Amino acid sequence: MIIRFTRGNWDRFFGKNKKSTFRIKPKKIGHYNVYGGSYYKPVKFGELNITKVEQGKKLKDLTEQDAIDDGFDTLEELKKEVNRLNKITGETMLYKHWVNNIRKLLEMS
């Protein structure tokens, strides 16, 4: 299975202790290959496992702890990034995906 990240959000796993990711649609628990870049020239960043998917929560109901879990310093930073990537409203449901076994490709160091 495949999951996509921006390079900046992928790097949060390695510098900001990111341990979750929010998605508009819930993904299945399991192993994922992680890609970034364009859809026409995808770049493999690495791989990870999704271990748990929490019940949906509206963007406006996210907490500071959600932001920390997702590798952001503040809730406002998280909301700004989610909105930049998805163009959503405060009423949009998001699903928190817990991840582990994050592995970066060697050439990405």
Protein backbone atom coordinates (compact mmCIF):
# COMPACT_ATOMS: atom_id res chain seq x y z
CA MET A 1 0.00 0.00 0.00
CA ILE A 2 1.09 3.59 -0.60
CA ILE A 3 0.83 6.74 1.51
CA ARG A 4 2.02 10.17 0.41
CA PHE A 5 3.76 12.90 2.40
CA THR A 6 5.34 16.24 1.61
CA ARG A 7 9.07 16.18 2.26
CA GLY A 8 8.67 18.57 5.20
CA ASN A 9 6.01 16.46 6.89
CA TRP A 10 8.00 13.25 6.30
CA ASP A 11 11.07 14.85 7.90
CA ARG A 12 9.02 15.59 11.06
CA PHE A 13 9.25 11.89 11.91
CA PHE A 14 13.01 12.28 12.28
CA GLY A 15 13.40 15.73 13.83
CA LYS A 16 10.15 16.52 15.61
CA ASN A 17 9.18 13.14 17.12
CA LYS A 18 6.13 12.86 14.84
CA LYS A 19 4.19 9.67 15.66
CA SER A 20 0.87 10.23 13.91
CA THR A 21 -0.58 11.66 10.71
CA PHE A 22 -4.00 13.10 9.98
CA ARG A 23 -5.89 12.09 6.85
CA ILE A 24 -9.28 13.04 5.40
CA LYS A 25 -10.10 9.38 4.81
CA PRO A 26 -9.16 6.52 7.12
CA LYS A 27 -6.47 4.20 5.78
CA LYS A 28 -6.20 0.51 6.58
CA ILE A 29 -3.90 -0.71 9.32
CA GLY A 30 -0.78 -2.20 7.76
CA HIS A 31 2.52 -1.60 6.02
CA TYR A 32 2.92 1.36 3.63
CA ASN A 33 5.54 2.53 1.18
CA VAL A 34 5.92 6.30 1.57
CA TYR A 35 6.19 8.53 -1.49
CA GLY A 36 6.49 12.24 -2.11
CA GLY A 37 7.14 14.39 -5.12
CA SER A 38 4.66 14.73 -7.96
CA TYR A 39 2.32 12.00 -9.09
CA TYR A 40 4.21 11.97 -12.42
CA LYS A 41 7.66 11.68 -10.81
CA PRO A 42 7.13 10.04 -7.43
CA VAL A 43 10.05 9.80 -5.01
CA LYS A 44 10.15 6.99 -2.47
CA PHE A 45 10.93 8.42 0.96
CA GLY A 46 10.75 5.18 2.95
CA GLU A 47 8.15 3.05 4.69
CA LEU A 48 6.04 2.87 7.83
CA ASN A 49 3.29 0.91 9.54
CA ILE A 50 -0.10 2.31 10.45
CA THR A 51 -0.99 0.62 13.75
CA LYS A 52 -4.20 2.37 14.77
CA VAL A 53 -6.79 4.72 13.27
CA GLU A 54 -8.79 6.86 15.67
CA GLN A 55 -12.42 7.88 15.22
CA GLY A 56 -12.81 10.99 13.06
CA LYS A 57 -12.50 14.40 14.66
CA LYS A 58 -13.42 17.78 13.17
CA LEU A 59 -10.52 20.06 12.30
CA LYS A 60 -11.87 22.67 14.71
CA ASP A 61 -11.78 20.11 17.56
CA LEU A 62 -8.10 19.16 17.26
CA THR A 63 -5.99 19.74 20.38
CA GLU A 64 -2.48 20.89 21.21
CA GLN A 65 -1.65 17.22 21.95
CA ASP A 66 -2.79 16.27 18.44
CA ALA A 67 -0.35 18.88 17.09
CA ILE A 68 2.53 17.54 19.20
CA ASP A 69 1.78 13.95 18.14
CA ASP A 70 1.89 15.09 14.52
CA GLY A 71 5.28 16.78 14.94
CA PHE A 72 4.10 20.40 15.17
CA ASP A 73 5.01 22.91 17.86
CA THR A 74 1.52 24.44 18.00
CA LEU A 75 -2.05 23.62 17.10
CA GLU A 76 -2.17 26.63 14.78
CA GLU A 77 0.81 25.29 12.79
CA LEU A 78 -0.95 21.93 12.36
CA LYS A 79 -4.23 23.51 11.27
CA LYS A 80 -2.44 25.79 8.81
CA GLU A 81 -0.59 22.84 7.24
CA VAL A 82 -3.67 20.60 7.02
CA ASN A 83 -5.63 23.43 5.42
CA ARG A 84 -2.79 24.23 3.00
CA LEU A 85 -2.68 20.62 1.80
CA ASN A 86 -6.42 19.93 1.66
CA LYS A 87 -8.37 23.22 1.47
CA ILE A 88 -10.84 22.14 4.14
CA THR A 89 -13.09 23.79 6.73
CA GLY A 90 -13.29 23.52 10.52
CA GLU A 91 -16.15 21.05 10.07
CA THR A 92 -14.11 18.59 7.98
CA MET A 93 -13.56 15.23 9.68
CA LEU A 94 -9.95 14.08 10.03
CA TYR A 95 -8.68 10.66 11.08
CA LYS A 96 -5.61 10.33 13.27
CA HIS A 97 -3.36 7.48 12.14
CA TRP A 98 -0.77 6.20 14.62
CA VAL A 99 2.42 4.96 12.98
CA ASN A 100 5.58 3.08 13.91
CA ASN A 101 8.56 1.36 12.27
CA ILE A 102 9.30 4.47 10.24
CA ARG A 103 12.24 3.79 7.94
CA LYS A 104 13.92 6.36 5.78
CA LEU A 105 15.74 5.30 2.62
CA LEU A 106 19.50 5.56 3.05
CA GLU A 107 19.96 8.03 0.20
CA MET A 108 17.44 10.40 1.83
CA SER A 109 19.77 11.09 4.82
